[in-house]
Amino acid sequence: MSEHDDYLFDPGAKPDPEVAALERALAPLRWRGERMRAPRASRRIGPRWLVVAAAVLVAAFAWWALPGGDESLRPDSRKRVFASAAAPRTIVLGDLAEVTLLPDSELVFVHWREDQALFALERGGLVARVEPPPKVQPAWFVVDTPLGRVIDQGCRYELSVRDGEATVRVTEGAVTFVGRDRTVFVPAGASAVVGNGGPLTPCFDDAAAELRKSVREYDEVTAKGADLEQRSMAVKQVLAASRERVDSLVLWHLLRDPEPMLREAAEAHLIALVGTPIASKQSTFDPEEWLPFLRLAAWQRAGK
């Protein structure tokens, strides 16, 4: 021990020079009788700050849910789910397409590839607008539903899935609805209903009540697997009620009936109503030959 060690026990003794120097260095940190405070970074967030943070989150959510708050997707966007509550949501795919998700709906974005933009409507409804060709190629924009697939042909349409039934109504262009066992074509001005048995035969929205009734009867007997006699009677009623050029939409779908005799009857009435798709001595034509002809000659005015 040195001669200065007693300074540690007797403040009146002569201090060790090194100890004195250490005291001077630590003097600014000595306790002055004040209450110690926690460092600023470790303070707890008070109620006031919690309220402010909550307000910011609520405001952000409100902006996100506004109808005008468009959300954009890109070709590299990941799979995600869009859900709407009381307000609609708008989803934009560049300048190629736009989807408005109606209130109380759920839509899954699956992917955006060069050859396809794929969505899945789980419930509720949407309004889709897709640019026509050549800007967007047909069949690029696709929406799956629990009952089948809606394939765009460059158009604007409304789609809903509620209570185990899907309904598509086209206001511009056309779509095809691909069900489990049947595919239907829905041009502007027409609608199609799809149930568990698949798509029903579409009609134009302003079709006569007599035609609509006969078409429903044809769909019912077909779904039940009725015999040829019953189905023949149903087709005769449809032909009798098909008097306008736009009624050819129903006749075109009958061209895919599995019974040759019924297909021939439908095509004969179709020729009498609108003529033939090409100048030929043929008595029958493939439905795909009929389609572009009918879209221009008989269905184009229906959506206006």
Protein backbone atom coordinates (compact mmCIF):
# COMPACT_ATOMS: atom_id res chain seq x y z
CA MET A 1 0.00 0.00 0.00
CA SER A 2 1.23 3.58 -0.66
CA GLU A 3 1.37 6.47 1.74
CA HIS A 4 -1.70 7.94 0.12
CA ASP A 5 -3.98 4.90 0.55
CA ASP A 6 -5.62 6.38 3.65
CA TYR A 7 -7.18 9.14 1.45
CA LEU A 8 -9.75 6.57 0.38
CA PHE A 9 -10.93 6.41 3.98
CA ASP A 10 -10.05 9.93 5.14
CA PRO A 11 -11.01 12.79 2.76
CA GLY A 12 -8.80 15.16 4.78
CA ALA A 13 -5.65 13.24 3.88
CA LYS A 14 -3.42 14.17 0.95
CA PRO A 15 -4.85 12.49 -2.21
CA ASP A 16 -2.91 10.35 -4.62
CA PRO A 17 -2.23 12.43 -7.81
CA GLU A 18 -3.70 9.73 -10.06
CA VAL A 19 -6.83 9.44 -7.93
CA ALA A 20 -7.21 13.21 -7.93
CA ALA A 21 -6.94 13.30 -11.71
CA LEU A 22 -9.58 10.57 -12.00
CA GLU A 23 -11.91 12.52 -9.72
CA ARG A 24 -11.57 15.63 -11.87
CA ALA A 25 -12.36 13.64 -15.03
CA LEU A 26 -15.48 12.09 -13.50
CA ALA A 27 -16.70 15.25 -11.79
CA PRO A 28 -19.32 16.15 -14.47
CA LEU A 29 -21.00 12.78 -13.90
CA ARG A 30 -21.31 12.96 -10.11
CA TRP A 31 -24.78 12.78 -8.55
CA ARG A 32 -26.22 16.15 -7.57
CA GLY A 33 -29.27 14.90 -5.69
CA GLU A 34 -31.57 14.94 -8.78
CA ARG A 35 -33.96 12.12 -9.65
CA MET A 36 -32.52 9.93 -12.37
CA ARG A 37 -34.42 9.73 -15.69
CA ALA A 38 -34.48 6.90 -18.16
CA PRO A 39 -32.73 7.56 -21.48
CA ARG A 40 -35.05 9.13 -24.07
CA ALA A 41 -34.87 6.12 -26.39
CA SER A 42 -36.08 3.77 -23.67
CA ARG A 43 -39.13 5.79 -22.57
CA ARG A 44 -42.46 4.07 -22.96
CA ILE A 45 -44.91 5.43 -25.55
CA GLY A 46 -47.61 7.30 -23.71
CA PRO A 47 -51.36 7.14 -24.41
CA ARG A 48 -51.22 10.34 -26.46
CA TRP A 49 -48.80 8.84 -28.96
CA LEU A 50 -50.88 5.67 -29.18
CA VAL A 51 -53.92 7.76 -30.09
CA VAL A 52 -51.96 9.62 -32.77
CA ALA A 53 -50.60 6.36 -34.24
CA ALA A 54 -54.08 4.84 -34.30
CA ALA A 55 -55.47 7.92 -36.08
CA VAL A 56 -52.78 7.66 -38.75
CA LEU A 57 -53.61 3.98 -39.35
CA VAL A 58 -57.33 4.70 -39.59
CA ALA A 59 -56.72 7.53 -42.06
CA ALA A 60 -54.50 5.30 -44.18
CA PHE A 61 -57.13 2.55 -44.25
CA ALA A 62 -59.87 5.04 -45.14
CA TRP A 63 -57.83 6.33 -48.08
CA TRP A 64 -57.11 2.75 -49.21
CA ALA A 65 -60.84 1.93 -49.17
CA LEU A 66 -61.97 5.01 -51.09
CA PRO A 67 -63.57 4.31 -54.51
CA GLY A 68 -61.12 6.69 -56.14
CA GLY A 69 -58.06 5.00 -54.63
CA ASP A 70 -56.94 3.07 -57.69
CA GLU A 71 -54.54 0.18 -57.16
CA SER A 72 -52.14 -0.72 -59.93
CA LEU A 73 -50.81 -4.11 -60.95
CA ARG A 74 -47.74 -4.84 -63.04
CA PRO A 75 -46.57 -7.91 -64.95
CA ASP A 76 -44.25 -8.75 -62.04
CA SER A 77 -46.88 -8.28 -59.32
CA ARG A 78 -47.21 -11.17 -56.90
CA LYS A 79 -50.39 -13.12 -56.22
CA ARG A 80 -52.68 -11.24 -53.84
CA VAL A 81 -56.26 -10.98 -52.62
CA PHE A 82 -58.46 -7.90 -53.05
CA ALA A 83 -61.47 -7.62 -50.74
CA SER A 84 -64.06 -4.86 -50.58
CA ALA A 85 -66.42 -3.97 -47.75
CA ALA A 86 -68.84 -1.05 -48.10
CA ALA A 87 -67.00 0.70 -50.93
CA PRO A 88 -65.86 -0.56 -54.34
CA ARG A 89 -62.17 -0.93 -55.24
CA THR A 90 -60.58 -0.20 -58.60
CA ILE A 91 -57.69 -2.31 -59.90
CA VAL A 92 -55.77 -1.05 -62.91
CA LEU A 93 -53.61 -3.09 -65.29
CA GLY A 94 -51.72 -0.30 -66.97
CA ASP A 95 -53.71 1.05 -69.92
CA LEU A 96 -54.91 -2.44 -70.90
CA ALA A 97 -57.68 -3.23 -68.45
CA GLU A 98 -59.50 -2.03 -65.36
CA VAL A 99 -61.50 -3.98 -62.79
CA THR A 100 -63.95 -2.43 -60.34
CA LEU A 101 -64.58 -4.77 -57.45
CA LEU A 102 -68.11 -4.18 -56.14
CA PRO A 103 -68.88 -3.94 -52.40
CA ASP A 104 -68.78 -7.14 -50.33
CA SER A 105 -66.65 -9.00 -52.87
CA GLU A 106 -63.40 -10.92 -52.97
CA LEU A 107 -61.09 -11.18 -55.97
CA VAL A 108 -57.78 -13.04 -56.24
CA PHE A 109 -55.10 -11.76 -58.60
CA VAL A 110 -53.22 -14.85 -59.80
CA HIS A 111 -50.74 -13.60 -62.42
CA TRP A 112 -50.10 -11.19 -65.26
CA ARG A 113 -48.16 -12.80 -68.08
CA GLU A 114 -47.63 -11.77 -71.67
CA ASP A 115 -50.27 -14.26 -72.80
CA GLN A 116 -52.71 -13.95 -69.90
CA ALA A 117 -53.92 -11.86 -66.97
CA LEU A 118 -55.70 -14.24 -64.60
CA PHE A 119 -58.06 -13.43 -61.73
CA ALA A 120 -60.46 -15.52 -59.64
CA LEU A 121 -63.73 -14.07 -58.34
CA GLU A 122 -64.45 -15.92 -55.10
CA ARG A 123 -67.65 -14.05 -54.23
CA GLY A 124 -69.52 -10.86 -54.98
CA GLY A 125 -69.26 -8.99 -58.25
CA LEU A 126 -67.08 -6.93 -60.54
CA VAL A 127 -67.17 -4.74 -63.60
CA ALA A 128 -64.35 -5.37 -66.09
CA ARG A 129 -63.22 -3.12 -68.92
CA VAL A 130 -60.66 -4.50 -71.36
CA GLU A 131 -59.24 -2.72 -74.38
CA PRO A 132 -60.30 -4.27 -77.70
CA PRO A 133 -57.91 -5.75 -80.29
CA PRO A 134 -55.31 -4.99 -81.50
CA LYS A 135 -54.28 -3.34 -78.22
CA VAL A 136 -55.29 -6.42 -76.23
CA GLN A 137 -55.54 -9.81 -77.86
CA PRO A 138 -58.71 -11.88 -77.31
CA ALA A 139 -58.56 -14.35 -74.40
CA TRP A 140 -55.82 -12.37 -72.59
CA PHE A 141 -58.04 -11.24 -69.69
CA VAL A 142 -59.52 -14.20 -67.80
CA VAL A 143 -61.62 -14.48 -64.64
CA ASP A 144 -62.23 -17.82 -62.97
CA THR A 145 -65.32 -18.45 -60.86
CA PRO A 146 -66.41 -21.48 -58.82
CA LEU A 147 -68.68 -22.38 -61.77
CA GLY A 148 -66.41 -21.79 -64.74
CA ARG A 149 -64.16 -19.37 -66.57
CA VAL A 150 -65.00 -16.04 -68.24
CA ILE A 151 -62.75 -15.30 -71.21
CA ASP A 152 -62.72 -11.77 -72.57
CA GLN A 153 -62.98 -10.93 -76.26
CA GLY A 154 -62.18 -7.22 -75.82
CA CYS A 155 -65.10 -5.70 -73.98
CA ARG A 156 -66.86 -4.41 -70.91
CA TYR A 157 -68.92 -6.76 -68.77
CA GLU A 158 -70.44 -7.33 -65.34
CA LEU A 159 -69.90 -10.57 -63.46
CA SER A 160 -71.40 -11.75 -60.18
CA VAL A 161 -71.13 -14.90 -58.09
CA ARG A 162 -73.82 -15.24 -55.43
CA ASP A 163 -75.82 -18.08 -53.86
CA GLY A 164 -74.18 -20.79 -55.98
CA GLU A 165 -74.95 -19.02 -59.27
CA ALA A 166 -72.88 -16.91 -61.65
CA THR A 167 -74.26 -14.26 -63.98
CA VAL A 168 -72.38 -12.42 -66.72
CA ARG A 169 -73.86 -9.46 -68.61
CA VAL A 170 -71.91 -7.94 -71.50
CA THR A 171 -72.26 -4.27 -72.41
CA GLU A 172 -69.47 -4.00 -75.01
CA GLY A 173 -67.70 -6.61 -77.14
CA ALA A 174 -68.21 -10.22 -76.05
CA VAL A 175 -67.08 -12.98 -73.68
CA THR A 176 -67.13 -16.75 -73.66
CA PHE A 177 -68.11 -18.60 -70.49
CA VAL A 178 -66.47 -22.01 -70.25
CA GLY A 179 -68.34 -24.37 -67.95
CA ARG A 180 -67.67 -27.97 -67.06
CA ASP A 181 -69.50 -29.47 -70.06
CA ARG A 182 -70.53 -26.48 -72.16
CA THR A 183 -69.16 -23.22 -73.51
CA VAL A 184 -71.46 -20.30 -74.36
CA PHE A 185 -70.80 -17.10 -76.30
CA VAL A 186 -72.22 -13.87 -74.85
CA PRO A 187 -72.13 -10.76 -77.08
CA ALA A 188 -72.91 -7.19 -76.07
CA GLY A 189 -76.51 -6.77 -74.99
CA ALA A 190 -76.85 -10.37 -73.82
CA SER A 191 -76.53 -12.21 -70.52
CA ALA A 192 -75.83 -15.75 -69.38
CA VAL A 193 -76.68 -17.50 -66.13
CA VAL A 194 -74.53 -20.37 -64.87
CA GLY A 195 -75.67 -22.86 -62.24
CA ASN A 196 -74.33 -26.15 -60.95
CA GLY A 197 -75.43 -27.79 -64.20
CA GLY A 198 -73.35 -25.40 -66.29
CA PRO A 199 -74.13 -22.35 -68.45
CA LEU A 200 -77.70 -21.88 -69.68
CA THR A 201 -78.33 -20.76 -73.25
CA PRO A 202 -77.77 -16.98 -73.38
CA CYS A 203 -80.38 -14.57 -74.71
CA PHE A 204 -80.30 -10.89 -75.51
CA ASP A 205 -81.65 -8.90 -72.59
CA ASP A 206 -84.49 -7.48 -74.69
CA ALA A 207 -85.56 -10.86 -76.14
CA ALA A 208 -89.28 -11.59 -76.19
CA ALA A 209 -90.70 -13.32 -73.12
CA GLU A 210 -91.93 -16.20 -75.31
CA LEU A 211 -88.42 -16.91 -76.55
CA ARG A 212 -86.89 -16.69 -73.10
CA LYS A 213 -89.47 -19.12 -71.74
CA SER A 214 -88.92 -21.65 -74.54
CA VAL A 215 -85.13 -21.45 -74.11
CA ARG A 216 -85.43 -22.18 -70.38
CA GLU A 217 -87.59 -25.21 -71.16
CA TYR A 218 -85.04 -26.46 -73.68
CA ASP A 219 -82.25 -26.08 -71.08
CA GLU A 220 -84.32 -27.91 -68.47
CA VAL A 221 -85.16 -30.96 -70.59
CA THR A 222 -81.55 -31.13 -71.81
CA ALA A 223 -80.23 -31.04 -68.24
CA LYS A 224 -82.63 -33.80 -67.20
CA GLY A 225 -81.47 -36.05 -70.04
CA ALA A 226 -84.98 -36.23 -71.52
CA ASP A 227 -85.69 -38.48 -74.48
CA LEU A 228 -85.49 -37.31 -78.09
CA GLU A 229 -89.23 -36.69 -78.38
CA GLN A 230 -89.30 -34.27 -75.45
CA ARG A 231 -86.18 -32.49 -76.65
CA SER A 232 -87.58 -32.23 -80.17
CA MET A 233 -90.71 -30.56 -78.81
CA ALA A 234 -88.57 -28.11 -76.83
CA VAL A 235 -86.52 -27.21 -79.93
CA LYS A 236 -89.69 -26.69 -81.99
CA GLN A 237 -90.91 -24.19 -79.41
CA VAL A 238 -87.60 -22.33 -79.57
CA LEU A 239 -87.74 -22.19 -83.39
CA ALA A 240 -91.32 -20.93 -83.33
CA ALA A 241 -90.37 -18.14 -80.91
CA SER A 242 -87.25 -17.10 -82.88
CA ARG A 243 -88.55 -14.37 -85.20
CA GLU A 244 -85.94 -11.58 -85.02
CA ARG A 245 -82.40 -11.57 -86.39
CA VAL A 246 -80.99 -11.18 -82.88
CA ASP A 247 -82.77 -14.42 -81.90
CA SER A 248 -80.10 -16.16 -83.97
CA LEU A 249 -77.97 -16.08 -80.81
CA VAL A 250 -80.12 -18.87 -79.40
CA LEU A 251 -80.16 -20.77 -82.71
CA TRP A 252 -76.37 -20.62 -82.94
CA HIS A 253 -76.08 -22.34 -79.57
CA LEU A 254 -78.45 -25.08 -80.77
CA LEU A 255 -75.90 -25.91 -83.48
CA ARG A 256 -73.93 -27.65 -80.73
CA ASP A 257 -76.79 -29.89 -79.64
CA PRO A 258 -75.61 -33.55 -79.52
CA GLU A 259 -78.52 -34.71 -81.71
CA PRO A 260 -77.85 -34.22 -85.49
CA MET A 261 -81.56 -33.92 -86.32
CA LEU A 262 -82.01 -31.02 -83.89
CA ARG A 263 -78.86 -29.29 -85.15
CA GLU A 264 -80.14 -29.48 -88.73
CA ALA A 265 -83.51 -28.03 -87.75
CA ALA A 266 -81.84 -25.15 -85.93
CA GLU A 267 -79.53 -24.38 -88.86
CA ALA A 268 -82.35 -24.46 -91.40
CA HIS A 269 -84.23 -21.88 -89.32
CA LEU A 270 -81.02 -19.85 -88.92
CA ILE A 271 -80.53 -19.69 -92.70
CA ALA A 272 -84.14 -18.62 -93.20
CA LEU A 273 -83.72 -15.87 -90.60
CA VAL A 274 -80.34 -14.35 -91.54
CA GLY A 275 -78.99 -16.05 -94.66
CA THR A 276 -75.79 -18.07 -95.03
CA PRO A 277 -72.31 -17.13 -93.75
CA ILE A 278 -70.64 -17.74 -97.13
CA ALA A 279 -71.82 -18.08 -100.73
CA SER A 280 -71.91 -21.84 -101.09
CA LYS A 281 -74.14 -24.72 -102.03
CA GLN A 282 -73.49 -26.24 -98.63
CA SER A 283 -76.56 -26.95 -96.54
CA THR A 284 -74.73 -27.00 -93.20
CA PHE A 285 -71.86 -25.03 -91.70
CA ASP A 286 -69.56 -25.35 -88.74
CA PRO A 287 -70.59 -23.15 -85.78
CA GLU A 288 -67.21 -21.38 -85.96
CA GLU A 289 -67.98 -20.36 -89.56
CA TRP A 290 -71.27 -18.91 -88.40
CA LEU A 291 -69.87 -16.91 -85.50
CA PRO A 292 -68.07 -13.99 -87.23
CA PHE A 293 -70.92 -13.67 -89.73
CA LEU A 294 -73.59 -13.48 -87.04
CA ARG A 295 -71.59 -11.02 -84.93
CA LEU A 296 -71.52 -8.59 -87.84
CA ALA A 297 -74.83 -9.31 -89.55
CA ALA A 298 -77.18 -9.93 -86.63
CA TRP A 299 -75.73 -9.13 -83.21
CA GLN A 300 -73.74 -5.94 -83.63
CA ARG A 301 -76.69 -3.56 -83.12
CA ALA A 302 -78.03 -5.39 -80.06
CA GLY A 303 -75.68 -3.83 -77.53
CA LYS A 304 -76.44 -0.23 -78.62
